[in-house]
């Protein structure tokens, strides 16, 4: 029974994560970025969004929260998570060479009512680590 609860929770978390990633991808595109990948995975880890601009290729970690009551969402990007993101980005760049400068960004999405939130807030941190 508890395994089922975890599965349902995992599915709900994925739906919420996809919502946050979609919002950030739309914001990037509105600011003239080209989203290259969503939910990119390899043996080293996962990168939520990979986007290209005039000068940079950005690897974006998206964190969705209801609010920042206990901590800012970006604080969940630990040193270990950063290490995995960097390893995944290195692998991506080895398979997709580019002249663009790599950069790691973090996007915080605050949506108190989840996908039903009328005006979700996105805080975007360039060169987050």
C-alpha atoms as a PDB file:
ATOM      1  CA  UNK A   1       0.000   0.000   0.000  1.00  0.00           C
ATOM      2  CA  UNK A   2       2.724   2.499   0.916  1.00  0.00           C
ATOM      3  CA  UNK A   3       4.436   1.802  -2.425  1.00  0.00           C
ATOM      4  CA  UNK A   4       1.292   2.981  -4.179  1.00  0.00           C
ATOM      5  CA  UNK A   5       1.273   6.204  -2.193  1.00  0.00           C
ATOM      6  CA  UNK A   6       4.861   6.896  -3.176  1.00  0.00           C
ATOM      7  CA  UNK A   7       4.063   6.241  -6.827  1.00  0.00           C
ATOM      8  CA  UNK A   8       1.096   8.606  -6.750  1.00  0.00           C
ATOM      9  CA  UNK A   9       3.189  11.236  -4.954  1.00  0.00           C
ATOM     10  CA  UNK A  10       5.969  10.786  -7.491  1.00  0.00           C
ATOM     11  CA  UNK A  11       3.533  11.222 -10.361  1.00  0.00           C
ATOM     12  CA  UNK A  12       2.104  14.362  -8.777  1.00  0.00           C
ATOM     13  CA  UNK A  13       5.595  15.754  -8.199  1.00  0.00           C
ATOM     14  CA  UNK A  14       6.441  15.126 -11.867  1.00  0.00           C
ATOM     15  CA  UNK A  15       3.277  16.932 -12.992  1.00  0.00           C
ATOM     16  CA  UNK A  16       4.142  19.914 -10.762  1.00  0.00           C
ATOM     17  CA  UNK A  17       7.738  19.871 -11.984  1.00  0.00           C
ATOM     18  CA  UNK A  18       6.605  19.849 -15.615  1.00  0.00           C
ATOM     19  CA  UNK A  19       4.361  22.838 -14.874  1.00  0.00           C
ATOM     20  CA  UNK A  20       7.277  24.827 -13.441  1.00  0.00           C
ATOM     21  CA  UNK A  21       9.565  23.850 -16.303  1.00  0.00           C
ATOM     22  CA  UNK A  22       6.927  24.882 -18.859  1.00  0.00           C
ATOM     23  CA  UNK A  23       6.550  28.312 -17.227  1.00  0.00           C
ATOM     24  CA  UNK A  24      10.291  28.906 -17.212  1.00  0.00           C
ATOM     25  CA  UNK A  25      10.685  27.623 -20.796  1.00  0.00           C
ATOM     26  CA  UNK A  26       7.972  30.043 -21.936  1.00  0.00           C
ATOM     27  CA  UNK A  27       9.675  32.916 -20.098  1.00  0.00           C
ATOM     28  CA  UNK A  28      13.016  32.064 -21.712  1.00  0.00           C
ATOM     29  CA  UNK A  29      11.437  31.934 -25.173  1.00  0.00           C
ATOM     30  CA  UNK A  30       9.735  35.303 -24.589  1.00  0.00           C
ATOM     31  CA  UNK A  31      13.220  36.668 -23.871  1.00  0.00           C
ATOM     32  CA  UNK A  32      14.604  35.369 -27.175  1.00  0.00           C
ATOM     33  CA  UNK A  33      16.177  32.146 -25.930  1.00  0.00           C
ATOM     34  CA  UNK A  34      15.830  28.881 -27.830  1.00  0.00           C
ATOM     35  CA  UNK A  35      14.938  25.958 -25.594  1.00  0.00           C
ATOM     36  CA  UNK A  36      17.017  23.030 -26.830  1.00  0.00           C
ATOM     37  CA  UNK A  37      16.037  20.391 -24.279  1.00  0.00           C
ATOM     38  CA  UNK A  38      13.486  19.821 -21.524  1.00  0.00           C
ATOM     39  CA  UNK A  39      14.153  17.128 -18.959  1.00  0.00           C
ATOM     40  CA  UNK A  40      17.466  16.075 -20.493  1.00  0.00           C
ATOM     41  CA  UNK A  41      18.768  12.867 -18.914  1.00  0.00           C
ATOM     42  CA  UNK A  42      21.927  10.847 -19.117  1.00  0.00           C
ATOM     43  CA  UNK A  43      23.750   8.495 -16.783  1.00  0.00           C
ATOM     44  CA  UNK A  44      25.118  11.433 -14.773  1.00  0.00           C
ATOM     45  CA  UNK A  45      21.795  13.078 -13.974  1.00  0.00           C
ATOM     46  CA  UNK A  46      19.059  15.321 -15.295  1.00  0.00           C
ATOM     47  CA  UNK A  47      18.918  18.943 -16.393  1.00  0.00           C
ATOM     48  CA  UNK A  48      15.496  20.556 -16.371  1.00  0.00           C
ATOM     49  CA  UNK A  49      16.085  22.979 -19.257  1.00  0.00           C
ATOM     50  CA  UNK A  50      18.876  23.645 -21.718  1.00  0.00           C
ATOM     51  CA  UNK A  51      18.568  26.855 -23.716  1.00  0.00           C
ATOM     52  CA  UNK A  52      20.716  28.799 -26.169  1.00  0.00           C
ATOM     53  CA  UNK A  53      21.028  32.547 -26.563  1.00  0.00           C
ATOM     54  CA  UNK A  54      23.339  34.864 -28.461  1.00  0.00           C
ATOM     55  CA  UNK A  55      26.317  34.252 -26.150  1.00  0.00           C
ATOM     56  CA  UNK A  56      25.408  31.456 -23.746  1.00  0.00           C
ATOM     57  CA  UNK A  57      24.131  27.952 -23.512  1.00  0.00           C
ATOM     58  CA  UNK A  58      22.357  27.768 -20.164  1.00  0.00           C
ATOM     59  CA  UNK A  59      21.681  24.740 -18.028  1.00  0.00           C
ATOM     60  CA  UNK A  60      18.677  25.622 -15.888  1.00  0.00           C
ATOM     61  CA  UNK A  61      17.570  23.934 -12.685  1.00  0.00           C
ATOM     62  CA  UNK A  62      13.910  24.711 -11.975  1.00  0.00           C
ATOM     63  CA  UNK A  63      12.578  24.606  -8.417  1.00  0.00           C
ATOM     64  CA  UNK A  64       8.826  24.907  -7.845  1.00  0.00           C
ATOM     65  CA  UNK A  65       7.461  25.750  -4.409  1.00  0.00           C
ATOM     66  CA  UNK A  66       4.207  27.012  -2.927  1.00  0.00           C
ATOM     67  CA  UNK A  67       6.100  29.732  -1.056  1.00  0.00           C
ATOM     68  CA  UNK A  68       9.468  30.618   0.464  1.00  0.00           C
ATOM     69  CA  UNK A  69       8.285  30.304   4.073  1.00  0.00           C
ATOM     70  CA  UNK A  70      11.026  27.872   5.113  1.00  0.00           C
ATOM     71  CA  UNK A  71      13.724  28.745   2.557  1.00  0.00           C
ATOM     72  CA  UNK A  72      14.183  30.094  -0.934  1.00  0.00           C
ATOM     73  CA  UNK A  73      13.688  27.374  -3.531  1.00  0.00           C
ATOM     74  CA  UNK A  74      17.199  27.874  -4.923  1.00  0.00           C
ATOM     75  CA  UNK A  75      18.643  26.675  -1.625  1.00  0.00           C
ATOM     76  CA  UNK A  76      17.562  23.154  -2.617  1.00  0.00           C
ATOM     77  CA  UNK A  77      20.305  23.171  -5.276  1.00  0.00           C
ATOM     78  CA  UNK A  78      22.934  21.638  -3.009  1.00  0.00           C
ATOM     79  CA  UNK A  79      26.631  21.162  -3.746  1.00  0.00           C
ATOM     80  CA  UNK A  80      25.879  17.529  -4.637  1.00  0.00           C
ATOM     81  CA  UNK A  81      23.112  18.601  -7.039  1.00  0.00           C
ATOM     82  CA  UNK A  82      25.477  21.173  -8.562  1.00  0.00           C
ATOM     83  CA  UNK A  83      28.110  18.460  -9.063  1.00  0.00           C
ATOM     84  CA  UNK A  84      25.582  16.263 -10.886  1.00  0.00           C
ATOM     85  CA  UNK A  85      24.376  19.163 -13.026  1.00  0.00           C
ATOM     86  CA  UNK A  86      27.940  20.006 -14.024  1.00  0.00           C
ATOM     87  CA  UNK A  87      28.724  16.385 -14.925  1.00  0.00           C
ATOM     88  CA  UNK A  88      25.513  16.128 -16.961  1.00  0.00           C
ATOM     89  CA  UNK A  89      26.273  19.416 -18.726  1.00  0.00           C
ATOM     90  CA  UNK A  90      29.811  18.238 -19.564  1.00  0.00           C
ATOM     91  CA  UNK A  91      28.384  15.082 -21.111  1.00  0.00           C
ATOM     92  CA  UNK A  92      25.787  17.103 -23.047  1.00  0.00           C
ATOM     93  CA  UNK A  93      28.469  19.432 -24.417  1.00  0.00           C
ATOM     94  CA  UNK A  94      30.643  16.477 -25.432  1.00  0.00           C
ATOM     95  CA  UNK A  95      27.737  15.199 -27.530  1.00  0.00           C
ATOM     96  CA  UNK A  96      26.542  18.640 -28.718  1.00  0.00           C
ATOM     97  CA  UNK A  97      29.626  20.847 -29.254  1.00  0.00           C
ATOM     98  CA  UNK A  98      28.991  24.583 -29.336  1.00  0.00           C
ATOM     99  CA  UNK A  99      30.926  27.838 -29.316  1.00  0.00           C
ATOM    100  CA  UNK A 100      28.504  29.277 -26.767  1.00  0.00           C
ATOM    101  CA  UNK A 101      29.723  29.943 -23.221  1.00  0.00           C
ATOM    102  CA  UNK A 102      28.121  27.541 -20.728  1.00  0.00           C
ATOM    103  CA  UNK A 103      26.292  28.965 -17.734  1.00  0.00           C
ATOM    104  CA  UNK A 104      24.322  27.459 -14.835  1.00  0.00           C
ATOM    105  CA  UNK A 105      21.117  29.212 -13.838  1.00  0.00           C
ATOM    106  CA  UNK A 106      18.427  28.473 -11.278  1.00  0.00           C
ATOM    107  CA  UNK A 107      14.772  29.389 -11.687  1.00  0.00           C
ATOM    108  CA  UNK A 108      12.506  29.559  -8.667  1.00  0.00           C
ATOM    109  CA  UNK A 109       8.803  29.235  -9.388  1.00  0.00           C
ATOM    110  CA  UNK A 110       6.381  30.142  -6.617  1.00  0.00           C
ATOM    111  CA  UNK A 111       2.852  28.900  -7.249  1.00  0.00           C
ATOM    112  CA  UNK A 112       0.724  28.714  -4.079  1.00  0.00           C
ATOM    113  CA  UNK A 113      -2.125  26.937  -5.882  1.00  0.00           C
ATOM    114  CA  UNK A 114       0.009  24.801  -8.195  1.00  0.00           C
ATOM    115  CA  UNK A 115      -1.100  24.875 -11.823  1.00  0.00           C
ATOM    116  CA  UNK A 116      -4.211  26.808 -10.753  1.00  0.00           C
ATOM    117  CA  UNK A 117      -2.135  29.779  -9.551  1.00  0.00           C
ATOM    118  CA  UNK A 118      -3.308  32.893 -11.391  1.00  0.00           C
ATOM    119  CA  UNK A 119       0.032  34.732 -11.281  1.00  0.00           C
ATOM    120  CA  UNK A 120       2.955  32.446 -10.475  1.00  0.00           C
ATOM    121  CA  UNK A 121       6.164  34.257  -9.580  1.00  0.00           C
ATOM    122  CA  UNK A 122       9.407  33.324 -11.316  1.00  0.00           C
ATOM    123  CA  UNK A 123      12.726  34.422  -9.845  1.00  0.00           C
ATOM    124  CA  UNK A 124      15.615  33.757 -12.185  1.00  0.00           C
ATOM    125  CA  UNK A 125      19.235  33.550 -11.030  1.00  0.00           C
ATOM    126  CA  UNK A 126      21.924  33.799 -13.703  1.00  0.00           C
ATOM    127  CA  UNK A 127      25.336  32.291 -12.934  1.00  0.00           C
ATOM    128  CA  UNK A 128      23.820  30.676  -9.853  1.00  0.00           C
ATOM    129  CA  UNK A 129      26.892  28.484  -9.318  1.00  0.00           C
END
